[in-house]
Amino acid sequence: MSALFNFALAFAQLCFILAMCCAAARMMIGPRAQDRVLALDTLYINGLLTLLMLGMRTSTTIYFDIALLIALFGFVGSIALAKFLLRGEVVEP
């Protein structure tokens, strides 16, 4: 890989890590539960993108499989949290 591509991947990974720190701070100090859920969504998406950048830097395919699992569980978790905030319960009787 070229040096410019490696630099771009490292810069993108650094930006995603900084975004994860901002999302984690918002999740801790968010005034409402909706802010915390949105911060959690942002956190898992940035984690997924960080893993994808790491997979591109190391040319290893295992990171892509892990990112796919994070995306799947993050989506299901987002749906469950949204349903809980909307109705107060996840599973309807």
PDB file of N, CA and C in Angstrom:
ATOM      1  N   MET A   1       0.827  -1.187   0.000  1.00  0.00           N
ATOM      2  CA  MET A   1       0.000   0.000   0.000  1.00  0.00           C
ATOM      3  C   MET A   1       0.871   1.249   0.000  1.00  0.00           C
ATOM      4  N   SER A   2       0.304   2.297  -0.532  1.00  0.00           N
ATOM      5  CA  SER A   2       1.073   3.530  -0.606  1.00  0.00           C
ATOM      6  C   SER A   2       1.081   4.234   0.753  1.00  0.00           C
ATOM      7  N   ALA A   3       2.019   5.130   0.894  1.00  0.00           N
ATOM      8  CA  ALA A   3       2.160   5.862   2.144  1.00  0.00           C
ATOM      9  C   ALA A   3       0.978   6.804   2.363  1.00  0.00           C
ATOM     10  N   LEU A   4       0.474   7.380   1.280  1.00  0.00           N
ATOM     11  CA  LEU A   4      -0.669   8.279   1.397  1.00  0.00           C
ATOM     12  C   LEU A   4      -1.921   7.532   1.857  1.00  0.00           C
ATOM     13  N   PHE A   5      -2.114   6.329   1.337  1.00  0.00           N
ATOM     14  CA  PHE A   5      -3.266   5.520   1.739  1.00  0.00           C
ATOM     15  C   PHE A   5      -3.162   5.125   3.210  1.00  0.00           C
ATOM     16  N   ASN A   6      -1.964   4.743   3.652  1.00  0.00           N
ATOM     17  CA  ASN A   6      -1.758   4.411   5.066  1.00  0.00           C
ATOM     18  C   ASN A   6      -2.013   5.615   5.967  1.00  0.00           C
ATOM     19  N   PHE A   7      -1.575   6.790   5.531  1.00  0.00           N
ATOM     20  CA  PHE A   7      -1.820   7.996   6.303  1.00  0.00           C
ATOM     21  C   PHE A   7      -3.317   8.315   6.370  1.00  0.00           C
ATOM     22  N   ALA A   8      -4.020   8.155   5.255  1.00  0.00           N
ATOM     23  CA  ALA A   8      -5.460   8.420   5.226  1.00  0.00           C
ATOM     24  C   ALA A   8      -6.213   7.456   6.139  1.00  0.00           C
ATOM     25  N   LEU A   9      -5.820   6.188   6.143  1.00  0.00           N
ATOM     26  CA  LEU A   9      -6.458   5.217   7.028  1.00  0.00           C
ATOM     27  C   LEU A   9      -6.184   5.538   8.495  1.00  0.00           C
ATOM     28  N   ALA A  10      -4.966   5.918   8.813  1.00  0.00           N
ATOM     29  CA  ALA A  10      -4.626   6.264  10.193  1.00  0.00           C
ATOM     30  C   ALA A  10      -5.384   7.512  10.633  1.00  0.00           C
ATOM     31  N   PHE A  11      -5.501   8.498   9.746  1.00  0.00           N
ATOM     32  CA  PHE A  11      -6.232   9.720  10.076  1.00  0.00           C
ATOM     33  C   PHE A  11      -7.718   9.432  10.278  1.00  0.00           C
ATOM     34  N   ALA A  12      -8.284   8.610   9.412  1.00  0.00           N
ATOM     35  CA  ALA A  12      -9.703   8.245   9.551  1.00  0.00           C
ATOM     36  C   ALA A  12      -9.935   7.489  10.853  1.00  0.00           C
ATOM     37  N   GLN A  13      -9.023   6.591  11.189  1.00  0.00           N
ATOM     38  CA  GLN A  13      -9.162   5.833  12.427  1.00  0.00           C
ATOM     39  C   GLN A  13      -9.063   6.756  13.640  1.00  0.00           C
ATOM     40  N   LEU A  14      -8.189   7.711  13.596  1.00  0.00           N
ATOM     41  CA  LEU A  14      -8.067   8.680  14.690  1.00  0.00           C
ATOM     42  C   LEU A  14      -9.350   9.507  14.821  1.00  0.00           C
ATOM     43  N   CYS A  15      -9.922   9.921  13.698  1.00  0.00           N
ATOM     44  CA  CYS A  15     -11.174  10.694  13.736  1.00  0.00           C
ATOM     45  C   CYS A  15     -12.315   9.863  14.318  1.00  0.00           C
ATOM     46  N   PHE A  16     -12.385   8.585  13.963  1.00  0.00           N
ATOM     47  CA  PHE A  16     -13.432   7.725  14.503  1.00  0.00           C
ATOM     48  C   PHE A  16     -13.253   7.506  16.005  1.00  0.00           C
ATOM     49  N   ILE A  17     -12.022   7.390  16.453  1.00  0.00           N
ATOM     50  CA  ILE A  17     -11.761   7.213  17.880  1.00  0.00           C
ATOM     51  C   ILE A  17     -12.137   8.478  18.658  1.00  0.00           C
ATOM     52  N   LEU A  18     -11.845   9.649  18.088  1.00  0.00           N
ATOM     53  CA  LEU A  18     -12.263  10.894  18.738  1.00  0.00           C
ATOM     54  C   LEU A  18     -13.780  11.018  18.782  1.00  0.00           C
ATOM     55  N   ALA A  19     -14.443  10.589  17.723  1.00  0.00           N
ATOM     56  CA  ALA A  19     -15.908  10.603  17.707  1.00  0.00           C
ATOM     57  C   ALA A  19     -16.472   9.636  18.737  1.00  0.00           C
ATOM     58  N   MET A  20     -15.797   8.493  18.932  1.00  0.00           N
ATOM     59  CA  MET A  20     -16.233   7.555  19.963  1.00  0.00           C
ATOM     60  C   MET A  20     -16.098   8.173  21.359  1.00  0.00           C
ATOM     61  N   CYS A  21     -15.037   8.928  21.585  1.00  0.00           N
ATOM     62  CA  CYS A  21     -14.864   9.590  22.881  1.00  0.00           C
ATOM     63  C   CYS A  21     -15.961  10.623  23.118  1.00  0.00           C
ATOM     64  N   CYS A  22     -16.313  11.390  22.080  1.00  0.00           N
ATOM     65  CA  CYS A  22     -17.392  12.373  22.212  1.00  0.00           C
ATOM     66  C   CYS A  22     -18.727  11.684  22.465  1.00  0.00           C
ATOM     67  N   ALA A  23     -18.977  10.578  21.778  1.00  0.00           N
ATOM     68  CA  ALA A  23     -20.231   9.848  21.980  1.00  0.00           C
ATOM     69  C   ALA A  23     -20.293   9.227  23.366  1.00  0.00           C
ATOM     70  N   ALA A  24     -19.166   8.728  23.859  1.00  0.00           N
ATOM     71  CA  ALA A  24     -19.142   8.157  25.209  1.00  0.00           C
ATOM     72  C   ALA A  24     -19.400   9.234  26.257  1.00  0.00           C
ATOM     73  N   ALA A  25     -18.855  10.429  26.033  1.00  0.00           N
ATOM     74  CA  ALA A  25     -19.117  11.529  26.967  1.00  0.00           C
ATOM     75  C   ALA A  25     -20.589  11.914  26.940  1.00  0.00           C
ATOM     76  N   ARG A  26     -21.193  11.960  25.763  1.00  0.00           N
ATOM     77  CA  ARG A  26     -22.614  12.294  25.662  1.00  0.00           C
ATOM     78  C   ARG A  26     -23.480  11.215  26.296  1.00  0.00           C
ATOM     79  N   MET A  27     -23.038   9.975  26.180  1.00  0.00           N
ATOM     80  CA  MET A  27     -23.797   8.886  26.776  1.00  0.00           C
ATOM     81  C   MET A  27     -23.756   8.968  28.311  1.00  0.00           C
ATOM     82  N   MET A  28     -22.652   9.428  28.853  1.00  0.00           N
ATOM     83  CA  MET A  28     -22.538   9.529  30.306  1.00  0.00           C
ATOM     84  C   MET A  28     -23.289  10.738  30.866  1.00  0.00           C
ATOM     85  N   ILE A  29     -23.265  11.868  30.156  1.00  0.00           N
ATOM     86  CA  ILE A  29     -23.845  13.088  30.709  1.00  0.00           C
ATOM     87  C   ILE A  29     -25.129  13.511  30.017  1.00  0.00           C
ATOM     88  N   GLY A  30     -25.639  12.683  29.116  1.00  0.00           N
ATOM     89  CA  GLY A  30     -26.860  13.030  28.398  1.00  0.00           C
ATOM     90  C   GLY A  30     -28.004  13.320  29.338  1.00  0.00           C
ATOM     91  N   PRO A  31     -28.699  14.445  29.152  1.00  0.00           N
ATOM     92  CA  PRO A  31     -29.766  14.772  30.098  1.00  0.00           C
ATOM     93  C   PRO A  31     -30.993  13.865  29.972  1.00  0.00           C
ATOM     94  N   ARG A  32     -31.246  13.333  28.786  1.00  0.00           N
ATOM     95  CA  ARG A  32     -32.426  12.488  28.605  1.00  0.00           C
ATOM     96  C   ARG A  32     -32.008  11.106  28.124  1.00  0.00           C
ATOM     97  N   ALA A  33     -32.916  10.170  28.238  1.00  0.00           N
ATOM     98  CA  ALA A  33     -32.635   8.802  27.797  1.00  0.00           C
ATOM     99  C   ALA A  33     -32.492   8.733  26.279  1.00  0.00           C
ATOM    100  N   GLN A  34     -33.218   9.584  25.562  1.00  0.00           N
ATOM    101  CA  GLN A  34     -33.113   9.589  24.106  1.00  0.00           C
ATOM    102  C   GLN A  34     -31.726  10.016  23.648  1.00  0.00           C
ATOM    103  N   ASP A  35     -31.126  10.966  24.367  1.00  0.00           N
ATOM    104  CA  ASP A  35     -29.760  11.381  24.053  1.00  0.00           C
ATOM    105  C   ASP A  35     -28.780  10.244  24.273  1.00  0.00           C
ATOM    106  N   ARG A  36     -29.002   9.478  25.325  1.00  0.00           N
ATOM    107  CA  ARG A  36     -28.116   8.351  25.616  1.00  0.00           C
ATOM    108  C   ARG A  36     -28.242   7.251  24.577  1.00  0.00           C
ATOM    109  N   VAL A  37     -29.459   6.996  24.092  1.00  0.00           N
ATOM    110  CA  VAL A  37     -29.650   5.972  23.063  1.00  0.00           C
ATOM    111  C   VAL A  37     -29.004   6.410  21.764  1.00  0.00           C
ATOM    112  N   LEU A  38     -29.155   7.666  21.396  1.00  0.00           N
ATOM    113  CA  LEU A  38     -28.528   8.176  20.182  1.00  0.00           C
ATOM    114  C   LEU A  38     -27.007   8.125  20.290  1.00  0.00           C
ATOM    115  N   ALA A  39     -26.475   8.442  21.463  1.00  0.00           N
ATOM    116  CA  ALA A  39     -25.031   8.354  21.675  1.00  0.00           C
ATOM    117  C   ALA A  39     -24.547   6.914  21.584  1.00  0.00           C
ATOM    118  N   LEU A  40     -25.352   5.977  22.076  1.00  0.00           N
ATOM    119  CA  LEU A  40     -24.980   4.567  21.975  1.00  0.00           C
ATOM    120  C   LEU A  40     -24.968   4.110  20.517  1.00  0.00           C
ATOM    121  N   ASP A  41     -25.932   4.563  19.732  1.00  0.00           N
ATOM    122  CA  ASP A  41     -25.937   4.244  18.305  1.00  0.00           C
ATOM    123  C   ASP A  41     -24.696   4.791  17.610  1.00  0.00           C
ATOM    124  N   THR A  42     -24.374   6.029  17.930  1.00  0.00           N
ATOM    125  CA  THR A  42     -23.188   6.643  17.344  1.00  0.00           C
ATOM    126  C   THR A  42     -21.919   5.915  17.778  1.00  0.00           C
ATOM    127  N   LEU A  43     -21.893   5.476  19.025  1.00  0.00           N
ATOM    128  CA  LEU A  43     -20.728   4.769  19.549  1.00  0.00           C
ATOM    129  C   LEU A  43     -20.510   3.445  18.827  1.00  0.00           C
ATOM    130  N   TYR A  44     -21.572   2.668  18.631  1.00  0.00           N
ATOM    131  CA  TYR A  44     -21.362   1.386  17.971  1.00  0.00           C
ATOM    132  C   TYR A  44     -21.052   1.559  16.489  1.00  0.00           C
ATOM    133  N   ILE A  45     -21.588   2.573  15.845  1.00  0.00           N
ATOM    134  CA  ILE A  45     -21.270   2.796  14.434  1.00  0.00           C
ATOM    135  C   ILE A  45     -19.818   3.233  14.283  1.00  0.00           C
ATOM    136  N   ASN A  46     -19.352   4.099  15.149  1.00  0.00           N
ATOM    137  CA  ASN A  46     -17.948   4.513  15.087  1.00  0.00           C
ATOM    138  C   ASN A  46     -17.009   3.361  15.436  1.00  0.00           C
ATOM    139  N   GLY A  47     -17.411   2.495  16.362  1.00  0.00           N
ATOM    140  CA  GLY A  47     -16.610   1.308  16.651  1.00  0.00           C
ATOM    141  C   GLY A  47     -16.537   0.377  15.455  1.00  0.00           C
ATOM    142  N   LEU A  48     -17.651   0.234  14.776  1.00  0.00           N
ATOM    143  CA  LEU A  48     -17.697  -0.598  13.571  1.00  0.00           C
ATOM    144  C   LEU A  48     -16.769  -0.029  12.498  1.00  0.00           C
ATOM    145  N   LEU A  49     -16.812   1.270  12.293  1.00  0.00           N
ATOM    146  CA  LEU A  49     -15.965   1.886  11.284  1.00  0.00           C
ATOM    147  C   LEU A  49     -14.487   1.838  11.669  1.00  0.00           C
ATOM    148  N   THR A  50     -14.202   1.935  12.960  1.00  0.00           N
ATOM    149  CA  THR A  50     -12.814   1.798  13.404  1.00  0.00           C
ATOM    150  C   THR A  50     -12.282   0.395  13.112  1.00  0.00           C
ATOM    151  N   LEU A  51     -13.118  -0.609  13.350  1.00  0.00           N
ATOM    152  CA  LEU A  51     -12.697  -1.980  13.028  1.00  0.00           C
ATOM    153  C   LEU A  51     -12.501  -2.174  11.533  1.00  0.00           C
ATOM    154  N   LEU A  52     -13.351  -1.552  10.718  1.00  0.00           N
ATOM    155  CA  LEU A  52     -13.176  -1.658   9.272  1.00  0.00           C
ATOM    156  C   LEU A  52     -11.871  -1.012   8.824  1.00  0.00           C
ATOM    157  N   MET A  53     -11.532   0.134   9.416  1.00  0.00           N
ATOM    158  CA  MET A  53     -10.266   0.779   9.077  1.00  0.00           C
ATOM    159  C   MET A  53      -9.081  -0.090   9.517  1.00  0.00           C
ATOM    160  N   LEU A  54      -9.204  -0.721  10.674  1.00  0.00           N
ATOM    161  CA  LEU A  54      -8.141  -1.610  11.145  1.00  0.00           C
ATOM    162  C   LEU A  54      -7.995  -2.813  10.214  1.00  0.00           C
ATOM    163  N   GLY A  55      -9.115  -3.331   9.738  1.00  0.00           N
ATOM    164  CA  GLY A  55      -9.063  -4.433   8.783  1.00  0.00           C
ATOM    165  C   GLY A  55      -8.412  -4.042   7.469  1.00  0.00           C
ATOM    166  N   MET A  56      -8.658  -2.816   7.038  1.00  0.00           N
ATOM    167  CA  MET A  56      -8.024  -2.350   5.803  1.00  0.00           C
ATOM    168  C   MET A  56      -6.530  -2.131   5.993  1.00  0.00           C
ATOM    169  N   ARG A  57      -6.143  -1.661   7.178  1.00  0.00           N
ATOM    170  CA  ARG A  57      -4.711  -1.425   7.428  1.00  0.00           C
ATOM    171  C   ARG A  57      -3.928  -2.726   7.530  1.00  0.00           C
ATOM    172  N   THR A  58      -4.514  -3.755   8.140  1.00  0.00           N
ATOM    173  CA  THR A  58      -3.786  -5.006   8.341  1.00  0.00           C
ATOM    174  C   THR A  58      -4.058  -6.041   7.255  1.00  0.00           C
ATOM    175  N   SER A  59      -4.993  -5.759   6.361  1.00  0.00           N
ATOM    176  CA  SER A  59      -5.378  -6.680   5.278  1.00  0.00           C
ATOM    177  C   SER A  59      -5.811  -8.040   5.822  1.00  0.00           C
ATOM    178  N   THR A  60      -6.547  -8.014   6.938  1.00  0.00           N
ATOM    179  CA  THR A  60      -7.061  -9.221   7.557  1.00  0.00           C
ATOM    180  C   THR A  60      -8.580  -9.201   7.469  1.00  0.00           C
ATOM    181  N   THR A  61      -9.173 -10.335   7.116  1.00  0.00           N
ATOM    182  CA  THR A  61     -10.621 -10.368   6.913  1.00  0.00           C
ATOM    183  C   THR A  61     -11.416 -10.600   8.193  1.00  0.00           C
ATOM    184  N   ILE A  62     -10.766 -10.980   9.275  1.00  0.00           N
ATOM    185  CA  ILE A  62     -11.504 -11.264  10.508  1.00  0.00           C
ATOM    186  C   ILE A  62     -12.172 -10.010  11.063  1.00  0.00           C
ATOM    187  N   TYR A  63     -11.569  -8.851  10.844  1.00  0.00           N
ATOM    188  CA  TYR A  63     -12.160  -7.607  11.337  1.00  0.00           C
ATOM    189  C   TYR A  63     -13.479  -7.290  10.631  1.00  0.00           C
ATOM    190  N   PHE A  64     -13.592  -7.675   9.382  1.00  0.00           N
ATOM    191  CA  PHE A  64     -14.831  -7.437   8.642  1.00  0.00           C
ATOM    192  C   PHE A  64     -15.967  -8.310   9.182  1.00  0.00           C
ATOM    193  N   ASP A  65     -15.644  -9.531   9.571  1.00  0.00           N
ATOM    194  CA  ASP A  65     -16.659 -10.404  10.173  1.00  0.00           C
ATOM    195  C   ASP A  65     -17.106  -9.870  11.530  1.00  0.00           C
ATOM    196  N   ILE A  66     -16.164  -9.383  12.310  1.00  0.00           N
ATOM    197  CA  ILE A  66     -16.497  -8.816  13.611  1.00  0.00           C
ATOM    198  C   ILE A  66     -17.343  -7.553  13.439  1.00  0.00           C
ATOM    199  N   ALA A  67     -17.018  -6.732  12.446  1.00  0.00           N
ATOM    200  CA  ALA A  67     -17.795  -5.523  12.186  1.00  0.00           C
ATOM    201  C   ALA A  67     -19.222  -5.867  11.767  1.00  0.00           C
ATOM    202  N   LEU A  68     -19.390  -6.936  11.032  1.00  0.00           N
ATOM    203  CA  LEU A  68     -20.730  -7.367  10.636  1.00  0.00           C
ATOM    204  C   LEU A  68     -21.546  -7.787  11.852  1.00  0.00           C
ATOM    205  N   LEU A  69     -20.919  -8.487  12.790  1.00  0.00           N
ATOM    206  CA  LEU A  69     -21.610  -8.865  14.023  1.00  0.00           C
ATOM    207  C   LEU A  69     -21.967  -7.651  14.872  1.00  0.00           C
ATOM    208  N   ILE A  70     -21.070  -6.687  14.948  1.00  0.00           N
ATOM    209  CA  ILE A  70     -21.353  -5.468  15.700  1.00  0.00           C
ATOM    210  C   ILE A  70     -22.528  -4.728  15.076  1.00  0.00           C
ATOM    211  N   ALA A  71     -22.571  -4.667  13.756  1.00  0.00           N
ATOM    212  CA  ALA A  71     -23.683  -4.000  13.078  1.00  0.00           C
ATOM    213  C   ALA A  71     -25.003  -4.707  13.363  1.00  0.00           C
ATOM    214  N   LEU A  72     -24.987  -6.021  13.340  1.00  0.00           N
ATOM    215  CA  LEU A  72     -26.212  -6.791  13.591  1.00  0.00           C
ATOM    216  C   LEU A  72     -26.710  -6.588  15.020  1.00  0.00           C
ATOM    217  N   PHE A  73     -25.828  -6.757  15.993  1.00  0.00           N
ATOM    218  CA  PHE A  73     -26.233  -6.600  17.386  1.00  0.00           C
ATOM    219  C   PHE A  73     -26.562  -5.147  17.730  1.00  0.00           C
ATOM    220  N   GLY A  74     -25.873  -4.215  17.120  1.00  0.00           N
ATOM    221  CA  GLY A  74     -26.177  -2.810  17.355  1.00  0.00           C
ATOM    222  C   GLY A  74     -27.545  -2.425  16.837  1.00  0.00           C
ATOM    223  N   PHE A  75     -27.909  -2.941  15.672  1.00  0.00           N
ATOM    224  CA  PHE A  75     -29.233  -2.659  15.117  1.00  0.00           C
ATOM    225  C   PHE A  75     -30.332  -3.244  15.997  1.00  0.00           C
ATOM    226  N   VAL A  76     -30.152  -4.483  16.417  1.00  0.00           N
ATOM    227  CA  VAL A  76     -31.149  -5.116  17.286  1.00  0.00           C
ATOM    228  C   VAL A  76     -31.237  -4.386  18.621  1.00  0.00           C
ATOM    229  N   GLY A  77     -30.116  -3.983  19.156  1.00  0.00           N
ATOM    230  CA  GLY A  77     -30.123  -3.240  20.410  1.00  0.00           C
ATOM    231  C   GLY A  77     -30.801  -1.886  20.270  1.00  0.00           C
ATOM    232  N   SER A  78     -30.590  -1.220  19.150  1.00  0.00           N
ATOM    233  CA  SER A  78     -31.244   0.070  18.925  1.00  0.00           C
ATOM    234  C   SER A  78     -32.753  -0.081  18.838  1.00  0.00           C
ATOM    235  N   ILE A  79     -33.204  -1.108  18.157  1.00  0.00           N
ATOM    236  CA  ILE A  79     -34.639  -1.356  18.045  1.00  0.00           C
ATOM    237  C   ILE A  79     -35.231  -1.661  19.426  1.00  0.00           C
ATOM    238  N   ALA A  80     -34.542  -2.477  20.210  1.00  0.00           N
ATOM    239  CA  ALA A  80     -35.042  -2.827  21.543  1.00  0.00           C
ATOM    240  C   ALA A  80     -35.099  -1.601  22.454  1.00  0.00           C
ATOM    241  N   LEU A  81     -34.071  -0.763  22.419  1.00  0.00           N
ATOM    242  CA  LEU A  81     -34.076   0.435  23.257  1.00  0.00           C
ATOM    243  C   LEU A  81     -35.145   1.428  22.816  1.00  0.00           C
ATOM    244  N   ALA A  82     -35.342   1.581  21.513  1.00  0.00           N
ATOM    245  CA  ALA A  82     -36.381   2.487  21.027  1.00  0.00           C
ATOM    246  C   ALA A  82     -37.765   1.994  21.430  1.00  0.00           C
ATOM    247  N   LYS A  83     -37.977   0.691  21.333  1.00  0.00           N
ATOM    248  CA  LYS A  83     -39.263   0.127  21.735  1.00  0.00           C
ATOM    249  C   LYS A  83     -39.478   0.284  23.240  1.00  0.00           C
ATOM    250  N   PHE A  84     -38.426   0.114  24.010  1.00  0.00           N
ATOM    251  CA  PHE A  84     -38.536   0.288  25.457  1.00  0.00           C
ATOM    252  C   PHE A  84     -38.865   1.732  25.818  1.00  0.00           C
ATOM    253  N   LEU A  85     -38.211   2.680  25.154  1.00  0.00           N
ATOM    254  CA  LEU A  85     -38.477   4.082  25.448  1.00  0.00           C
ATOM    255  C   LEU A  85     -39.872   4.499  24.998  1.00  0.00           C
ATOM    256  N   LEU A  86     -40.371   3.882  23.937  1.00  0.00           N
ATOM    257  CA  LEU A  86     -41.675   4.253  23.422  1.00  0.00           C
ATOM    258  C   LEU A  86     -42.808   3.675  24.263  1.00  0.00           C
ATOM    259  N   ARG A  87     -42.695   2.385  24.634  1.00  0.00           N
ATOM    260  CA  ARG A  87     -43.800   1.698  25.311  1.00  0.00           C
ATOM    261  C   ARG A  87     -43.504   1.337  26.759  1.00  0.00           C
ATOM    262  N   GLY A  88     -42.274   1.337  27.177  1.00  0.00           N
ATOM    263  CA  GLY A  88     -41.950   0.962  28.539  1.00  0.00           C
ATOM    264  C   GLY A  88     -41.672  -0.510  28.718  1.00  0.00           C
ATOM    265  N   GLU A  89     -41.802  -1.288  27.656  1.00  0.00           N
ATOM    266  CA  GLU A  89     -41.497  -2.720  27.699  1.00  0.00           C
ATOM    267  C   GLU A  89     -41.016  -3.154  26.322  1.00  0.00           C
ATOM    268  N   VAL A  90     -40.191  -4.179  26.289  1.00  0.00           N
ATOM    269  CA  VAL A  90     -39.634  -4.653  25.037  1.00  0.00           C
ATOM    270  C   VAL A  90     -40.508  -5.745  24.434  1.00  0.00           C
ATOM    271  N   VAL A  91     -40.920  -6.689  25.253  1.00  0.00           N
ATOM    272  CA  VAL A  91     -41.750  -7.808  24.790  1.00  0.00           C
ATOM    273  C   VAL A  91     -43.183  -7.553  25.214  1.00  0.00           C
ATOM    274  N   GLU A  92     -44.066  -7.560  24.233  1.00  0.00           N
ATOM    275  CA  GLU A  92     -45.476  -7.325  24.540  1.00  0.00           C
ATOM    276  C   GLU A  92     -46.121  -8.619  25.033  1.00  0.00           C
ATOM    277  N   PRO A  93     -46.996  -8.512  26.045  1.00  0.00           N
ATOM    278  CA  PRO A  93     -47.643  -9.734  26.562  1.00  0.00           C
ATOM    279  C   PRO A  93     -48.715 -10.240  25.625  1.00  0.00           C
TER     280      PRO A  93
END
